[in-house]
Every structure is written in structure tokens, then in C-alpha cells.
N, C-alpha and C. Protein backbone atom coordinates (compact mmCIF):
# COMPACT_ATOMS: atom_id res chain seq x y z
N MET A 1 158.25 78.70 159.42
CA MET A 1 158.39 79.24 160.79
C MET A 1 159.24 77.80 161.29
N PHE A 2 160.23 77.99 162.04
CA PHE A 2 160.91 77.05 162.68
C PHE A 2 160.38 76.91 164.29
N THR A 3 160.30 76.06 164.79
CA THR A 3 160.18 76.19 165.90
C THR A 3 160.67 74.81 166.79
N LEU A 4 161.22 75.08 168.23
CA LEU A 4 161.31 73.98 169.15
C LEU A 4 160.50 73.86 170.25
N PRO A 5 160.20 72.34 170.69
CA PRO A 5 159.39 72.20 172.03
C PRO A 5 159.91 73.21 172.90
N PRO A 6 159.23 73.65 173.88
CA PRO A 6 159.48 74.19 174.91
C PRO A 6 160.46 73.76 175.74
N ARG A 7 161.57 74.49 176.04
CA ARG A 7 162.98 74.29 176.89
C ARG A 7 162.84 72.93 178.06
N ASP A 8 161.74 73.52 178.89
CA ASP A 8 161.59 72.73 180.03
C ASP A 8 160.83 71.37 179.39
N SER A 9 160.46 70.97 178.35
CA SER A 9 159.78 69.57 178.04
C SER A 9 160.85 68.95 178.13
N VAL A 10 162.18 69.03 177.77
CA VAL A 10 163.75 68.22 177.80
C VAL A 10 163.92 68.52 178.69
N SER A 11 164.60 67.56 179.75
CA SER A 11 165.11 67.43 180.45
C SER A 11 166.68 67.62 180.50
N ASP A 12 167.27 66.88 179.41
CA ASP A 12 168.73 66.50 179.19
C ASP A 12 168.88 67.38 178.31
N THR A 13 170.14 68.03 179.13
CA THR A 13 170.47 69.38 178.00
C THR A 13 171.15 68.45 176.96
N GLY A 14 171.73 67.42 177.17
CA GLY A 14 172.47 67.01 175.63
C GLY A 14 171.50 66.83 174.41
N GLU A 15 170.24 66.20 175.27
CA GLU A 15 169.23 66.36 174.20
C GLU A 15 169.06 67.24 173.59
N TRP A 16 168.74 68.53 174.48
CA TRP A 16 168.27 69.69 173.79
C TRP A 16 169.06 70.22 173.02
N TYR A 17 170.47 69.83 173.06
CA TYR A 17 171.36 70.78 172.05
C TYR A 17 171.27 69.95 171.07
N ASP A 18 170.77 68.51 170.66
CA ASP A 18 170.74 67.77 169.61
C ASP A 18 169.47 68.42 169.07
N LEU A 19 168.45 68.58 169.64
CA LEU A 19 167.14 69.45 168.96
C LEU A 19 167.78 70.91 168.70
N VAL A 20 168.17 71.50 169.03
CA VAL A 20 168.81 72.78 168.88
C VAL A 20 169.85 72.68 167.24
N TYR A 21 170.34 72.04 167.30
CA TYR A 21 171.24 71.59 166.32
C TYR A 21 170.43 71.47 165.04
N GLN A 22 169.43 70.35 165.31
CA GLN A 22 168.73 69.77 164.04
C GLN A 22 168.08 71.02 163.74
N THR A 23 167.58 71.80 164.46
CA THR A 23 166.97 73.28 164.05
C THR A 23 167.58 73.81 163.14
N ILE A 24 168.98 74.08 163.53
CA ILE A 24 169.71 74.89 162.61
C ILE A 24 170.14 74.47 161.44
N ASP A 25 170.64 72.96 161.52
CA ASP A 25 170.44 72.19 160.24
C ASP A 25 169.08 72.06 159.02
N THR A 26 168.34 72.57 159.77
CA THR A 26 167.10 72.12 158.80
C THR A 26 166.79 73.93 158.25
N ILE A 27 167.06 75.06 159.34
CA ILE A 27 167.06 76.58 158.66
C ILE A 27 167.99 76.43 157.57
N ILE A 28 169.21 75.86 157.99
CA ILE A 28 170.21 76.54 156.77
C ILE A 28 169.88 75.57 155.26
N GLY A 29 169.67 74.22 155.85
CA GLY A 29 168.87 72.91 154.64
C GLY A 29 170.29 73.21 153.66
N ASP A 30 170.12 73.63 152.41
CA ASP A 30 170.81 74.08 151.15
C ASP A 30 171.00 75.31 150.77
N GLU A 31 170.88 76.01 151.76
CA GLU A 31 171.32 78.05 151.68
C GLU A 31 172.58 77.91 151.52
N THR A 32 172.83 78.60 150.64
CA THR A 32 174.17 78.86 150.28
C THR A 32 174.78 80.26 150.93
N ASP A 33 174.16 81.02 151.32
CA ASP A 33 174.42 82.32 151.36
C ASP A 33 175.06 82.32 152.98
N LEU A 34 176.40 82.59 153.14
CA LEU A 34 176.94 82.60 154.34
C LEU A 34 176.36 83.53 155.69
N ILE A 35 175.91 84.85 155.06
CA ILE A 35 175.73 85.74 156.12
C ILE A 35 174.21 85.15 156.37
N ALA A 36 173.31 84.81 155.45
CA ALA A 36 171.95 84.72 156.12
C ALA A 36 171.93 83.34 156.81
N ASN A 37 172.78 82.22 156.81
CA ASN A 37 173.30 81.01 157.59
C ASN A 37 173.70 81.56 158.97
N MET A 38 174.90 82.73 158.93
CA MET A 38 175.10 83.23 160.26
C MET A 38 174.07 83.81 160.92
N ALA A 39 173.47 84.69 160.54
CA ALA A 39 172.33 85.58 160.86
C ALA A 39 171.20 84.64 161.46
N ASN A 40 171.03 83.54 161.08
CA ASN A 40 169.79 82.46 161.51
C ASN A 40 170.50 81.83 163.05
N ILE A 41 171.70 81.59 162.57
CA ILE A 41 172.17 80.63 163.78
C ILE A 41 172.64 81.29 165.03
N ALA A 42 172.93 82.71 164.71
CA ALA A 42 172.95 83.45 165.83
C ALA A 42 171.76 83.68 166.51
N SER A 43 170.55 83.69 165.63
CA SER A 43 168.98 83.80 166.16
C SER A 43 168.95 82.73 167.09
N VAL A 44 169.21 81.51 166.37
CA VAL A 44 168.79 80.28 167.03
C VAL A 44 169.42 80.20 168.42
N LEU A 45 170.60 80.30 168.57
CA LEU A 45 171.51 80.18 169.67
C LEU A 45 171.14 81.27 170.71
N HIS A 46 170.71 82.71 170.37
CA HIS A 46 170.32 83.84 171.00
C HIS A 46 169.18 83.06 172.00
N HIS A 47 168.53 82.59 171.30
CA HIS A 47 166.93 82.04 171.76
C HIS A 47 167.01 80.47 172.37
N THR A 48 168.12 79.88 172.32
CA THR A 48 167.75 78.67 172.91
C THR A 48 168.88 78.13 173.69
N VAL A 49 170.09 78.91 173.93
CA VAL A 49 170.94 78.60 175.11
C VAL A 49 170.82 79.64 175.94
N ASP A 50 170.86 79.16 177.14
CA ASP A 50 170.57 79.41 178.55
C ASP A 50 171.89 80.70 178.89
N ASP A 51 171.61 81.74 179.69
CA ASP A 51 173.09 82.42 180.20
C ASP A 51 173.80 82.78 179.13
N ILE A 52 173.50 83.50 178.27
CA ILE A 52 174.20 83.88 177.09
C ILE A 52 173.72 85.52 176.60
N ASN A 53 174.94 86.28 176.81
CA ASN A 53 174.53 87.63 176.40
C ASN A 53 174.77 88.14 174.98
N TRP A 54 175.92 87.45 174.39
CA TRP A 54 176.27 87.96 173.14
C TRP A 54 176.68 86.71 172.34
N VAL A 55 176.25 86.45 171.28
CA VAL A 55 176.52 85.68 170.30
C VAL A 55 176.53 85.92 168.90
N GLY A 56 177.70 85.75 168.13
CA GLY A 56 177.90 86.12 166.79
C GLY A 56 179.17 86.12 166.14
N PHE A 57 179.35 86.13 164.82
CA PHE A 57 180.20 85.68 164.32
C PHE A 57 181.59 86.70 163.70
N TYR A 58 182.45 86.67 163.61
CA TYR A 58 183.73 87.23 162.82
C TYR A 58 184.09 86.54 161.81
N LEU A 59 184.17 87.53 160.71
CA LEU A 59 184.70 86.90 159.22
C LEU A 59 186.05 87.40 159.18
N LEU A 60 187.03 86.41 158.87
CA LEU A 60 188.68 86.89 158.53
C LEU A 60 188.35 87.52 157.38
N LYS A 61 188.96 88.86 157.00
CA LYS A 61 189.34 89.09 155.83
C LYS A 61 190.89 90.16 156.12
N GLU A 62 191.46 89.60 155.22
CA GLU A 62 193.11 89.97 155.27
C GLU A 62 193.65 89.39 156.58
N ASN A 63 194.10 89.58 157.72
CA ASN A 63 194.49 89.55 158.87
C ASN A 63 194.07 90.05 159.96
N THR A 64 192.62 90.04 159.66
CA THR A 64 191.85 90.87 160.77
C THR A 64 190.27 90.29 160.77
N LEU A 65 189.67 90.03 161.83
CA LEU A 65 188.22 89.51 162.09
C LEU A 65 187.38 90.55 162.34
N VAL A 66 186.47 90.66 161.11
CA VAL A 66 185.28 91.72 161.27
C VAL A 66 184.08 91.27 161.35
N LEU A 67 183.82 91.87 162.46
CA LEU A 67 182.22 91.77 162.84
C LEU A 67 181.08 91.20 161.51
N GLY A 68 180.45 90.18 161.86
CA GLY A 68 179.34 89.48 161.11
C GLY A 68 178.16 89.41 162.00
N PRO A 69 177.04 88.59 161.34
CA PRO A 69 175.79 88.83 162.41
C PRO A 69 175.91 88.43 163.47
N PHE A 70 175.53 89.09 164.63
CA PHE A 70 175.55 88.60 166.03
C PHE A 70 173.59 89.09 166.70
N PHE A 71 173.53 88.09 167.73
CA PHE A 71 172.55 88.97 169.02
C PHE A 71 173.53 89.32 170.02
N GLY A 72 173.10 90.69 170.55
CA GLY A 72 173.68 91.42 172.11
C GLY A 72 174.28 92.78 171.54
N LEU A 73 174.93 93.29 172.44
CA LEU A 73 175.02 94.54 172.56
C LEU A 73 176.02 95.04 171.42
N PRO A 74 176.24 96.01 170.74
CA PRO A 74 177.12 96.74 169.54
C PRO A 74 178.33 96.23 170.11
N ALA A 75 179.14 95.31 169.17
CA ALA A 75 180.48 94.84 169.58
C ALA A 75 181.86 95.35 168.88
N CYS A 76 182.94 95.04 168.84
CA CYS A 76 183.82 95.39 168.17
C CYS A 76 184.00 95.57 166.77
N ILE A 77 184.03 96.20 165.96
CA ILE A 77 183.99 96.00 164.85
C ILE A 77 185.24 94.96 164.26
N ARG A 78 186.48 95.63 164.34
CA ARG A 78 187.54 94.90 164.03
C ARG A 78 188.54 94.20 164.89
N ILE A 79 189.03 93.21 165.00
CA ILE A 79 189.74 92.27 165.76
C ILE A 79 191.02 91.85 164.90
N GLU A 80 192.07 92.28 165.58
CA GLU A 80 193.60 91.66 164.62
C GLU A 80 193.47 90.20 165.55
N VAL A 81 194.09 89.67 163.91
CA VAL A 81 194.26 88.06 164.16
C VAL A 81 195.34 87.91 165.66
N GLY A 82 195.33 87.22 166.40
CA GLY A 82 196.27 87.25 167.54
C GLY A 82 195.83 88.15 168.90
N ARG A 83 194.87 88.82 168.65
CA ARG A 83 194.63 89.94 169.83
C ARG A 83 192.90 89.26 170.54
N GLY A 84 193.05 89.30 171.76
CA GLY A 84 192.21 88.93 172.39
C GLY A 84 191.72 87.21 172.15
N VAL A 85 190.52 86.72 172.54
CA VAL A 85 189.96 85.72 172.29
C VAL A 85 189.89 85.22 171.47
N CYS A 86 188.83 86.21 170.37
CA CYS A 86 188.56 85.74 169.20
C CYS A 86 189.63 85.53 168.10
N GLY A 87 190.94 86.64 167.89
CA GLY A 87 192.00 86.71 167.48
C GLY A 87 193.21 85.69 167.85
N THR A 88 193.03 85.09 169.20
CA THR A 88 193.96 83.88 169.49
C THR A 88 193.38 82.93 168.72
N ALA A 89 191.98 82.40 168.77
CA ALA A 89 191.25 81.32 168.47
C ALA A 89 191.72 81.30 166.83
N ALA A 90 191.40 82.25 166.46
CA ALA A 90 191.71 82.20 164.62
C ALA A 90 193.50 82.09 164.80
N ALA A 91 194.28 82.45 165.06
CA ALA A 91 195.88 82.67 165.05
C ALA A 91 196.01 81.04 165.16
N GLU A 92 195.46 80.47 166.25
CA GLU A 92 195.81 79.04 166.75
C GLU A 92 194.95 78.25 166.09
N ALA A 93 193.89 78.45 165.33
CA ALA A 93 192.97 77.40 164.79
C ALA A 93 192.17 76.53 165.41
N ARG A 94 191.73 77.08 166.55
CA ARG A 94 191.64 75.93 167.88
C ARG A 94 190.27 76.73 168.86
N THR A 95 189.53 75.93 169.58
CA THR A 95 188.66 76.43 169.99
C THR A 95 189.20 76.91 171.62
N ILE A 96 188.65 78.18 171.95
CA ILE A 96 189.19 78.61 172.95
C ILE A 96 188.28 78.56 174.20
N VAL A 97 187.99 78.17 175.37
CA VAL A 97 187.03 78.32 176.41
C VAL A 97 187.78 79.30 177.51
N VAL A 98 186.97 79.94 177.91
CA VAL A 98 187.95 81.20 178.96
C VAL A 98 186.67 81.29 179.93
N ASP A 99 187.01 80.66 181.16
CA ASP A 99 186.05 80.54 182.63
C ASP A 99 185.86 82.09 183.12
N ASN A 100 186.66 82.68 182.97
CA ASN A 100 186.93 83.77 183.86
C ASN A 100 188.01 85.03 182.63
N VAL A 101 187.10 86.10 182.19
CA VAL A 101 187.76 86.54 180.88
C VAL A 101 188.70 87.56 181.56
N ASP A 102 188.56 87.78 182.84
CA ASP A 102 189.41 88.60 183.61
C ASP A 102 190.83 88.40 184.00
N LEU A 103 190.94 87.10 183.55
CA LEU A 103 192.32 86.34 183.70
C LEU A 103 193.07 86.11 182.50
N PHE A 104 192.39 86.35 180.89
CA PHE A 104 192.93 86.27 179.86
C PHE A 104 193.80 87.65 179.26
N PRO A 105 194.57 87.05 179.18
CA PRO A 105 195.81 88.31 178.80
C PRO A 105 195.35 88.93 177.78
N GLY A 106 195.11 90.35 177.32
CA GLY A 106 194.41 90.96 175.95
C GLY A 106 193.35 90.91 175.95
N HIS A 107 192.39 90.42 176.85
CA HIS A 107 191.18 90.41 176.61
C HIS A 107 190.42 91.44 175.94
N ILE A 108 189.48 91.79 175.15
CA ILE A 108 188.73 92.81 174.70
C ILE A 108 187.14 92.86 175.32
N ALA A 109 187.08 93.72 175.97
CA ALA A 109 185.84 93.81 176.58
C ALA A 109 184.90 94.61 175.76
N CYS A 110 183.92 94.19 175.16
CA CYS A 110 182.99 94.78 174.26
C CYS A 110 181.84 94.84 175.09
N ASP A 111 181.46 94.06 175.71
CA ASP A 111 180.41 94.11 177.05
C ASP A 111 180.69 93.63 178.19
N ALA A 112 180.67 94.57 179.08
CA ALA A 112 181.32 94.36 180.57
C ALA A 112 180.73 93.29 181.14
N ALA A 113 179.59 93.00 180.78
CA ALA A 113 178.79 92.08 181.44
C ALA A 113 179.14 90.62 181.50
N SER A 114 179.88 90.51 180.47
CA SER A 114 180.58 88.89 179.94
C SER A 114 181.54 88.79 180.85
N GLN A 115 181.31 87.33 181.30
CA GLN A 115 182.75 87.23 182.40
C GLN A 115 183.05 85.71 182.07
N SER A 116 182.65 85.21 180.91
CA SER A 116 183.42 84.14 180.29
C SER A 116 182.39 83.91 178.73
N GLU A 117 183.86 83.38 178.36
CA GLU A 117 183.41 83.00 176.62
C GLU A 117 184.23 81.79 175.92
N ILE A 118 183.38 81.60 175.06
CA ILE A 118 184.03 80.52 174.06
C ILE A 118 184.24 81.22 172.77
N VAL A 119 185.06 80.58 172.07
CA VAL A 119 185.40 81.12 170.58
C VAL A 119 185.83 79.76 169.93
N VAL A 120 184.94 79.55 168.88
CA VAL A 120 185.34 78.47 167.83
C VAL A 120 185.62 78.81 166.86
N PRO A 121 186.98 78.31 165.97
CA PRO A 121 187.33 78.85 164.62
C PRO A 121 186.43 78.11 163.54
N LEU A 122 185.95 79.29 162.52
CA LEU A 122 185.57 78.46 161.61
C LEU A 122 186.39 77.87 160.28
N ILE A 123 186.90 76.57 159.96
CA ILE A 123 187.80 76.19 159.12
C ILE A 123 187.29 75.68 158.01
N THR A 124 187.74 76.01 156.97
CA THR A 124 187.43 75.65 155.53
C THR A 124 188.60 74.86 154.73
N ASP A 125 188.69 73.79 154.54
CA ASP A 125 189.91 73.28 153.48
C ASP A 125 191.44 73.57 154.26
N GLY A 126 191.43 73.49 155.68
CA GLY A 126 192.20 73.72 156.70
C GLY A 126 192.93 75.27 156.87
N ARG A 127 192.00 75.95 156.24
CA ARG A 127 191.99 77.86 156.92
C ARG A 127 191.06 78.31 157.58
N VAL A 128 191.42 78.76 158.56
CA VAL A 128 190.52 79.81 159.30
C VAL A 128 190.06 80.98 158.50
N ARG A 129 188.66 80.56 158.34
CA ARG A 129 187.63 82.05 157.73
C ARG A 129 187.14 82.58 158.26
N GLY A 130 186.94 82.33 160.12
CA GLY A 130 186.22 83.21 160.80
C GLY A 130 186.05 82.73 162.01
N VAL A 131 185.10 83.44 162.97
CA VAL A 131 185.07 82.63 164.43
C VAL A 131 183.63 82.84 164.81
N LEU A 132 183.23 81.73 165.66
CA LEU A 132 181.86 81.78 165.97
C LEU A 132 182.24 82.07 167.71
N ASP A 133 181.68 83.61 168.12
CA ASP A 133 181.79 84.15 169.55
C ASP A 133 180.78 84.02 170.24
N VAL A 134 180.86 83.22 171.69
CA VAL A 134 179.76 83.12 172.27
C VAL A 134 180.08 83.82 173.99
N ASP A 135 179.30 84.88 174.42
CA ASP A 135 179.80 85.21 175.85
C ASP A 135 178.60 84.94 176.82
N SER A 136 179.00 84.95 177.89
CA SER A 136 178.26 85.09 179.20
C SER A 136 178.41 85.69 180.47
N PRO A 137 177.05 86.24 180.76
CA PRO A 137 177.70 87.14 182.12
C PRO A 137 177.86 86.00 183.46
N LEU A 138 177.73 84.71 183.22
CA LEU A 138 178.37 84.00 184.16
C LEU A 138 179.63 83.45 183.85
N ARG A 139 180.40 83.31 185.43
CA ARG A 139 181.91 82.60 185.00
C ARG A 139 181.65 81.12 184.88
N ALA A 140 182.69 80.77 184.20
CA ALA A 140 182.90 79.14 183.88
C ALA A 140 181.39 78.74 183.49
N ARG A 141 180.67 79.36 182.26
CA ARG A 141 179.59 79.10 181.77
C ARG A 141 179.63 77.86 180.98
N PHE A 142 180.61 77.61 180.23
CA PHE A 142 180.45 76.90 179.12
C PHE A 142 180.97 75.44 179.36
N SER A 143 180.27 74.47 179.21
CA SER A 143 181.01 73.26 179.57
C SER A 143 181.02 72.08 178.20
N ASP A 144 181.75 70.69 178.17
CA ASP A 144 181.97 70.46 177.10
C ASP A 144 180.43 70.13 176.16
N LEU A 145 179.52 70.21 176.87
CA LEU A 145 178.09 70.19 176.09
C LEU A 145 177.89 71.41 175.16
N GLU A 146 178.32 72.44 175.38
CA GLU A 146 178.44 73.53 174.78
C GLU A 146 179.28 73.65 173.61
N ARG A 147 180.61 73.55 174.14
CA ARG A 147 181.78 73.03 173.14
C ARG A 147 181.41 72.23 172.19
N SER A 148 180.63 71.29 172.34
CA SER A 148 180.46 69.85 171.22
C SER A 148 179.30 70.92 170.68
N LEU A 149 178.22 71.52 171.08
CA LEU A 149 177.37 72.05 169.92
C LEU A 149 177.97 73.19 169.07
N PHE A 150 178.56 74.15 169.53
CA PHE A 150 179.29 74.71 168.53
C PHE A 150 180.29 74.61 167.84
N GLU A 151 181.02 73.61 167.98
CA GLU A 151 181.90 73.22 167.15
C GLU A 151 181.47 72.02 166.17
N LYS A 152 180.14 71.73 166.48
CA LYS A 152 179.24 70.99 165.57
C LYS A 152 178.93 72.04 164.45
N ILE A 153 178.04 73.26 165.09
CA ILE A 153 177.60 74.08 164.23
C ILE A 153 178.72 74.72 163.48
N ALA A 154 179.93 74.97 163.87
CA ALA A 154 181.06 75.52 163.42
C ALA A 154 181.70 74.96 162.26
N ARG A 155 181.55 73.67 162.20
CA ARG A 155 181.94 72.30 161.20
C ARG A 155 180.72 72.74 159.94
N ARG A 156 179.59 73.17 160.51
CA ARG A 156 178.40 72.78 159.53
C ARG A 156 178.27 74.15 158.87
N ILE A 157 178.41 75.42 159.33
CA ILE A 157 178.69 76.31 158.57
C ILE A 157 179.93 76.55 157.74
N SER A 158 180.75 75.99 158.22
CA SER A 158 182.01 76.10 157.44
C SER A 158 182.29 75.12 156.09
């Protein structure tokens, strides 16, 4: 069993996210099964990052992102590369932070409660293999601290 100290026992958000990452790193350990690792990562993030309503992965298959392990309401199963925030992050191989999803051209609304989003590509050997997608019911929810945490996780899982 893996546990973190209570959130209110750590006052610094950066320090908290270091503990979150260490927990993920410990859980993954030497496990090579991608789906199992993604499921555990989604669970840890769902239970430790405040003010998120959806967290999960999409895996690239041919030219389509296909839903992988996640926590949240049912989601879009397939997203074409280049479409929506996830597809754009995959096409451009870069992290995209959207403070207001209503202002993102072509945003795909799987959960009407989502107001902001961050999508981080999973890159192995210079190729995008999928994305980590995190949504929040708050606008402008994701700071550089979350971006740093999610990018570090994406590098670890890749």
C-alpha cells in the first residue's frame, strides 16, 4: 500500500508535488506494463491534485488518440491528431495549457464542467506515443508547478 502524508501537513505546494512524484515513481518502480502504470498514475493524481475533475491518458494508434486509463466521467474514446487540445498537443509535440476551454478553437467538451485543461505529450525516442490530459472545473487552474509535475510524470512514463 502506498500512502502520502495528509495534504494539510505540507504547506508548500512544490514540496507536496515532490511527494506526489516520489509516490508515483515508487509505485511504478520497475513495472513495465504501460496500462498498469498509467492506471496508477491517474489514480494518484486524481486523489492528490486539488480541483481537477478528469485525469487520464490517450494512446496514439495510427493517427488517432485512443482513450486509456483515466479517472472522471466517461470520455471521448477517439480523438484525431490535430483536433481539440489533446490532438493539438500530440500534433505539435508540446504541452498545452488552456486557461479557458471556451476560447480554445475546436475544444472537445467531454465534461461540461471542465473550464481549464493541460495536456502533456508522452514522447519516446522523439515520437509522440500519447498524452496525459488533466481537466479542472476552475478557469486558469494550472500553474507552472502543475505543468512541471505533469511533464516530469510524462517523461517518467515515456
